[in-house]
Amino acid sequence: SRGPVQDPAQLYSMHQTEQELGHPVLIVGMTGFVDAGAAVRLSVDALLGQLPNQPMVTFAVDELLDYRSRRPIMVFAADHWEAYSEPVLAMHLVRDGAGVPFLLLTGPEPDLQWERFTRAVVGLVERLGVRMTVGLNAIPMAVPHTRPTGMSAHATRAALVAGYEPWVGTVQVPGSAAALLELRLGQAGHDAVGFAVHVPHYLAQMEFPTATIALLQAVASCTGLALPVEALREAAEQTQASVAAQVSQSEEVAGVVKALEEQYDAYAGSRTRANLIAEPGAQLPTADELGAAFERFLAEQGEDEG
């Protein structure tokens, strides 16, 4: 026996009287799972940093997090503890550029009680009249930074992601709380969509605003929300210029990128595919090979600079 089922509603607190929201969209942007290029984190930063918002629901993180696997930062000053970066898992009420309200679930992905957490969020979806839930993700892919940014989409109903080609058949992958939430929402009859932007895996460990722009544009197109992307364009241009400069200084890295460009053009061009996913048997450099090449290049730069 698993013992008594705990009330999911006891896992969160409402911080304001529920107001008229119409039928809002819920965007899920939790951290802790794969976030290549920090695209999800940068998306959340853009939404909370540039749009009016306030916390509406907070979750009991003490019941959901394993602090020893993700230790929060504390500040020690001379002879005392001065500050503690308290982890917060919350649902914010945000208004887009046109004043339309939507909800944004942010914070660390739960380590514990996934099913109870999922039941709590599904309950909030029903309580607040959410019309669609949209999950954000960013995955490393064998694609070049010099080509259009690809996107994978999945949903509880195929019609919700019409126009996006399936990128894989049936596979087993490590789960996430956001993926489980999408599954459970579909089983409960609610619409849910997930977008995973493709980030060149040799850039997966750095901030890549180009992917953030693509992710927010996909969400905006799907939901009709007016989301801030213009402020990200300057950062994206600077990052692209920086990467281009590094590539131009290393024949080895330039060769890797050129091979990816040729692979991309061969498949995306001849097959008129919107996104590149390497075909079985394609001779692409591995993530380790790409990462090692860039690490060697950056190490050499560091040595040159003393």
Protein backbone atom coordinates (compact mmCIF):
# COMPACT_ATOMS: atom_id res chain seq x y z
CA SER A 1 0.00 0.00 0.00
CA ARG A 2 1.21 3.53 -0.78
CA GLY A 3 -0.61 4.98 2.21
CA PRO A 4 -3.12 7.86 2.18
CA VAL A 5 -3.16 10.15 -0.85
CA GLN A 6 -2.10 13.66 0.13
CA ASP A 7 -4.25 16.57 -0.98
CA PRO A 8 -2.50 18.26 -3.94
CA ALA A 9 -4.09 21.60 -2.99
CA GLN A 10 -2.03 21.62 0.21
CA LEU A 11 1.09 21.82 -1.94
CA TYR A 12 0.56 25.47 -2.89
CA SER A 13 -0.72 28.81 -1.60
CA MET A 14 -2.75 31.42 -3.48
CA HIS A 15 -1.42 34.93 -2.98
CA GLN A 16 -4.27 37.01 -4.30
CA THR A 17 -7.98 36.85 -4.81
CA GLU A 18 -8.70 35.20 -8.11
CA GLN A 19 -9.63 37.81 -10.67
CA GLU A 20 -11.27 37.56 -14.04
CA LEU A 21 -8.67 36.00 -16.32
CA GLY A 22 -10.89 34.86 -19.15
CA HIS A 23 -9.31 31.63 -20.38
CA PRO A 24 -5.56 32.27 -20.02
CA VAL A 25 -2.59 30.41 -21.41
CA LEU A 26 -0.21 28.76 -18.95
CA ILE A 27 3.47 28.79 -19.97
CA VAL A 28 5.72 26.30 -18.17
CA GLY A 29 9.37 27.31 -17.91
CA MET A 30 10.90 25.35 -15.03
CA THR A 31 14.65 24.92 -14.66
CA GLY A 32 16.59 21.78 -13.82
CA PHE A 33 16.08 19.71 -16.97
CA VAL A 34 17.84 20.14 -20.33
CA ASP A 35 18.17 23.83 -21.22
CA ALA A 36 20.64 24.09 -24.10
CA GLY A 37 21.83 27.62 -24.70
CA ALA A 38 19.92 28.71 -21.56
CA ALA A 39 17.01 29.37 -23.92
CA VAL A 40 14.33 28.54 -21.34
CA ARG A 41 15.95 30.62 -18.60
CA LEU A 42 16.41 33.57 -20.94
CA SER A 43 12.76 33.25 -22.02
CA VAL A 44 11.57 33.41 -18.44
CA ASP A 45 13.89 36.34 -17.72
CA ALA A 46 12.49 38.21 -20.71
CA LEU A 47 8.87 37.58 -19.75
CA LEU A 48 9.27 38.55 -16.09
CA GLY A 49 11.75 41.34 -16.79
CA GLN A 50 9.81 43.11 -19.52
CA LEU A 51 6.13 42.44 -18.78
CA PRO A 52 3.98 43.45 -15.78
CA ASN A 53 3.65 40.48 -13.43
CA GLN A 54 2.94 39.39 -9.89
CA PRO A 55 3.09 36.02 -8.11
CA MET A 56 -0.27 34.31 -7.96
CA VAL A 57 0.59 30.85 -6.60
CA THR A 58 3.67 29.57 -4.78
CA PHE A 59 4.49 25.93 -4.17
CA ALA A 60 5.91 24.37 -1.01
CA VAL A 61 9.47 23.85 -2.22
CA ASP A 62 10.48 22.11 1.04
CA GLU A 63 8.26 19.22 -0.01
CA LEU A 64 9.42 19.16 -3.62
CA LEU A 65 13.17 19.78 -3.72
CA ASP A 66 16.21 17.72 -2.83
CA TYR A 67 18.45 20.46 -1.47
CA ARG A 68 21.51 18.22 -1.40
CA SER A 69 21.35 17.65 -5.15
CA ARG A 70 20.82 21.35 -5.92
CA ARG A 71 22.19 23.32 -3.01
CA PRO A 72 20.94 26.93 -2.89
CA ILE A 73 23.59 29.65 -2.77
CA MET A 74 24.34 31.34 0.55
CA VAL A 75 26.54 34.38 1.18
CA PHE A 76 29.13 34.33 3.98
CA ALA A 77 30.51 37.74 4.96
CA ALA A 78 33.61 37.79 7.21
CA ASP A 79 32.08 36.30 10.36
CA HIS A 80 28.40 35.63 9.63
CA TRP A 81 25.92 34.24 7.12
CA GLU A 82 24.46 37.22 5.33
CA ALA A 83 22.03 35.90 2.73
CA TYR A 84 20.24 32.83 1.41
CA SER A 85 18.99 32.44 -2.17
CA GLU A 86 15.68 30.86 -1.34
CA PRO A 87 14.39 28.68 -4.20
CA VAL A 88 10.92 29.70 -5.37
CA LEU A 89 8.58 27.63 -7.51
CA ALA A 90 5.69 29.89 -8.44
CA MET A 91 2.93 30.62 -10.93
CA HIS A 92 2.96 34.28 -11.95
CA LEU A 93 0.15 36.32 -13.41
CA VAL A 94 1.66 38.18 -16.38
CA ARG A 95 0.19 40.59 -18.92
CA ASP A 96 1.52 40.53 -22.47
CA GLY A 97 2.30 43.53 -24.65
CA ALA A 98 -1.40 44.02 -25.36
CA GLY A 99 -2.47 43.64 -21.73
CA VAL A 100 -3.77 40.09 -22.14
CA PRO A 101 -3.28 38.03 -18.96
CA PHE A 102 -1.44 34.72 -18.99
CA LEU A 103 0.19 32.49 -16.38
CA LEU A 104 3.88 31.56 -16.12
CA LEU A 105 5.07 28.63 -14.00
CA THR A 106 8.74 29.13 -13.12
CA GLY A 107 11.32 27.90 -10.67
CA PRO A 108 13.22 24.67 -10.05
CA GLU A 109 11.72 21.47 -11.40
CA PRO A 110 10.53 19.33 -8.47
CA ASP A 111 12.81 16.48 -7.45
CA LEU A 112 10.08 14.77 -5.42
CA GLN A 113 6.33 14.07 -5.52
CA TRP A 114 5.91 14.50 -9.28
CA GLU A 115 2.46 12.97 -9.35
CA ARG A 116 1.19 15.11 -6.49
CA PHE A 117 2.73 18.22 -8.06
CA THR A 118 1.17 17.36 -11.41
CA ARG A 119 -2.26 16.85 -9.82
CA ALA A 120 -1.88 20.25 -8.16
CA VAL A 121 -1.08 21.99 -11.46
CA VAL A 122 -3.91 20.19 -13.29
CA GLY A 123 -6.22 21.34 -10.50
CA LEU A 124 -5.05 24.92 -10.98
CA VAL A 125 -5.55 24.63 -14.74
CA GLU A 126 -9.16 23.67 -14.10
CA ARG A 127 -9.69 26.19 -11.30
CA LEU A 128 -8.30 29.12 -13.30
CA GLY A 129 -9.89 28.17 -16.62
CA VAL A 130 -6.62 27.70 -18.51
CA ARG A 131 -7.31 27.08 -22.20
CA MET A 132 -3.85 25.83 -23.16
CA THR A 133 -0.60 24.90 -21.43
CA VAL A 134 2.66 25.48 -23.31
CA GLY A 135 5.95 23.93 -22.18
CA LEU A 136 9.36 25.40 -23.03
CA ASN A 137 12.43 23.29 -23.73
CA ALA A 138 15.79 23.61 -25.49
CA ILE A 139 17.80 20.63 -26.69
CA PRO A 140 21.30 20.28 -28.17
CA MET A 141 21.28 19.15 -31.80
CA ALA A 142 23.79 18.51 -34.58
CA VAL A 143 22.95 21.75 -36.39
CA PRO A 144 25.08 24.77 -37.35
CA HIS A 145 24.56 28.21 -35.82
CA THR A 146 24.64 29.72 -39.32
CA ARG A 147 21.31 28.24 -40.41
CA PRO A 148 17.69 28.91 -39.36
CA THR A 149 16.88 27.71 -35.86
CA GLY A 150 14.85 24.50 -35.85
CA MET A 151 12.00 23.58 -33.56
CA SER A 152 10.36 20.34 -32.45
CA ALA A 153 6.77 20.38 -31.27
CA HIS A 154 4.51 17.90 -29.53
CA ALA A 155 1.01 18.15 -28.10
CA THR A 156 -1.92 16.35 -26.58
CA ARG A 157 -3.73 16.74 -29.93
CA ALA A 158 -2.03 16.64 -33.33
CA ALA A 159 -4.03 19.62 -34.56
CA LEU A 160 -2.31 21.84 -32.00
CA VAL A 161 1.07 21.40 -33.74
CA ALA A 162 -0.05 21.23 -37.36
CA GLY A 163 2.81 22.21 -39.66
CA TYR A 164 5.58 20.83 -37.46
CA GLU A 165 7.17 17.63 -38.75
CA PRO A 166 7.75 14.79 -36.28
CA TRP A 167 11.49 14.57 -35.67
CA VAL A 168 11.69 11.06 -34.28
CA GLY A 169 9.71 7.84 -34.03
CA THR A 170 9.26 6.07 -30.71
CA VAL A 171 12.10 6.45 -28.22
CA GLN A 172 12.67 6.12 -24.49
CA VAL A 173 14.10 9.21 -22.83
CA PRO A 174 14.60 10.44 -19.24
CA GLY A 175 11.41 12.00 -17.98
CA SER A 176 10.80 15.46 -16.59
CA ALA A 177 8.09 17.01 -14.45
CA ALA A 178 7.04 19.21 -17.38
CA ALA A 179 6.73 16.21 -19.70
CA LEU A 180 4.68 14.33 -17.12
CA LEU A 181 2.46 17.39 -16.72
CA GLU A 182 1.79 17.48 -20.47
CA LEU A 183 0.94 13.78 -20.44
CA ARG A 184 -1.42 14.09 -17.47
CA LEU A 185 -3.11 17.17 -18.92
CA GLY A 186 -3.85 15.28 -22.11
CA GLN A 187 -5.24 12.34 -20.17
CA ALA A 188 -7.52 14.76 -18.33
CA GLY A 189 -8.80 16.23 -21.60
CA HIS A 190 -6.87 19.50 -21.54
CA ASP A 191 -4.89 21.04 -24.40
CA ALA A 192 -1.13 21.12 -23.90
CA VAL A 193 1.76 21.85 -26.26
CA GLY A 194 5.52 21.59 -25.90
CA PHE A 195 8.19 23.36 -27.95
CA ALA A 196 11.85 22.30 -27.97
CA VAL A 197 14.19 24.67 -29.79
CA HIS A 198 17.26 23.12 -31.45
CA VAL A 199 20.54 24.59 -30.19
CA PRO A 200 23.89 23.76 -31.85
CA HIS A 201 25.39 21.39 -29.33
CA TYR A 202 28.78 23.07 -29.47
CA LEU A 203 26.99 26.15 -28.04
CA ALA A 204 24.80 24.33 -25.54
CA GLN A 205 26.76 25.48 -22.49
CA MET A 206 26.62 29.19 -23.31
CA GLU A 207 23.75 31.65 -23.59
CA PHE A 208 22.33 31.57 -27.11
CA PRO A 209 19.63 34.28 -27.42
CA THR A 210 18.87 33.29 -31.01
CA ALA A 211 17.23 30.15 -29.65
CA THR A 212 15.30 32.18 -27.08
CA ILE A 213 13.82 34.35 -29.82
CA ALA A 214 12.74 31.28 -31.80
CA LEU A 215 11.16 29.75 -28.69
CA LEU A 216 9.16 32.86 -27.79
CA GLN A 217 8.07 33.32 -31.40
CA ALA A 218 6.77 29.75 -31.48
CA VAL A 219 4.79 30.35 -28.29
CA ALA A 220 3.41 33.64 -29.62
CA SER A 221 2.37 32.02 -32.89
CA CYS A 222 0.63 29.18 -31.08
CA THR A 223 -1.16 31.28 -28.45
CA GLY A 224 -1.63 34.71 -29.98
CA LEU A 225 0.20 36.36 -27.08
CA ALA A 226 2.31 39.46 -27.70
CA LEU A 227 5.64 38.44 -26.22
CA PRO A 228 8.85 40.51 -26.02
CA VAL A 229 11.52 39.43 -28.49
CA GLU A 230 12.88 42.71 -29.89
CA ALA A 231 15.06 43.37 -26.84
CA LEU A 232 16.75 40.00 -27.39
CA ARG A 233 17.80 40.74 -30.96
CA GLU A 234 20.82 42.87 -30.07
CA ALA A 235 22.08 40.20 -27.68
CA ALA A 236 21.51 37.55 -30.36
CA GLU A 237 23.46 39.55 -32.94
CA GLN A 238 26.35 40.07 -30.53
CA THR A 239 26.46 36.37 -29.69
CA GLN A 240 26.38 35.36 -33.36
CA ALA A 241 29.21 37.81 -34.11
CA SER A 242 31.27 36.48 -31.20
CA VAL A 243 30.82 32.87 -32.28
CA ALA A 244 31.64 33.76 -35.90
CA ALA A 245 34.85 35.45 -34.77
CA GLN A 246 35.90 32.39 -32.76
CA VAL A 247 35.12 30.04 -35.64
CA SER A 248 37.13 32.16 -38.09
CA GLN A 249 40.22 31.84 -35.87
CA SER A 250 40.24 28.04 -35.78
CA GLU A 251 40.49 25.87 -38.87
CA GLU A 252 39.42 22.84 -36.86
CA VAL A 253 36.24 24.45 -35.55
CA ALA A 254 35.50 26.04 -38.93
CA GLY A 255 35.74 22.59 -40.50
CA VAL A 256 33.27 21.17 -38.01
CA VAL A 257 30.78 23.98 -38.67
CA LYS A 258 31.23 23.61 -42.45
CA ALA A 259 30.45 19.89 -42.20
CA LEU A 260 27.27 20.66 -40.28
CA GLU A 261 26.27 23.30 -42.83
CA GLU A 262 26.70 20.84 -45.69
CA GLN A 263 24.67 18.22 -43.83
CA TYR A 264 21.95 20.75 -43.06
CA ASP A 265 21.78 22.02 -46.65
CA ALA A 266 21.72 18.50 -48.10
CA TYR A 267 18.72 17.41 -46.06
CA ALA A 268 16.85 20.66 -45.45
CA GLY A 269 17.30 21.75 -49.06
CA SER A 270 16.78 18.62 -51.12
CA ARG A 271 13.92 17.37 -48.97
CA THR A 272 12.37 20.80 -48.32
CA ARG A 273 12.35 20.11 -44.62
CA ALA A 274 11.89 23.00 -42.19
CA ASN A 275 14.21 21.46 -39.61
CA LEU A 276 17.28 19.29 -39.85
CA ILE A 277 17.37 16.04 -37.98
CA ALA A 278 20.23 13.84 -39.04
CA GLU A 279 19.17 10.75 -40.95
CA PRO A 280 20.21 7.34 -39.64
CA GLY A 281 23.78 6.63 -40.68
CA ALA A 282 24.68 10.26 -41.37
CA GLN A 283 28.35 10.93 -40.58
CA LEU A 284 28.01 13.91 -38.28
CA PRO A 285 30.48 14.92 -35.57
CA THR A 286 29.34 13.83 -32.13
CA ALA A 287 28.56 16.25 -29.32
CA ASP A 288 31.75 15.17 -27.57
CA GLU A 289 33.83 15.82 -30.69
CA LEU A 290 32.31 19.25 -31.20
CA GLY A 291 32.63 20.16 -27.54
CA ALA A 292 36.24 18.97 -27.41
CA ALA A 293 37.13 21.03 -30.47
CA PHE A 294 35.69 24.21 -28.98
CA GLU A 295 37.24 23.51 -25.56
CA ARG A 296 40.68 23.12 -27.16
CA PHE A 297 40.20 26.34 -29.10
CA LEU A 298 39.07 28.31 -26.05
CA ALA A 299 41.91 26.87 -23.97
CA GLU A 300 44.38 28.01 -26.60
CA GLN A 301 42.84 31.48 -26.55
CA GLY A 302 43.25 31.59 -22.79
CA GLU A 303 46.91 30.61 -23.06
CA ASP A 304 47.54 33.27 -25.70
CA GLU A 305 46.03 35.90 -23.43
CA GLY A 306 48.22 34.77 -20.55
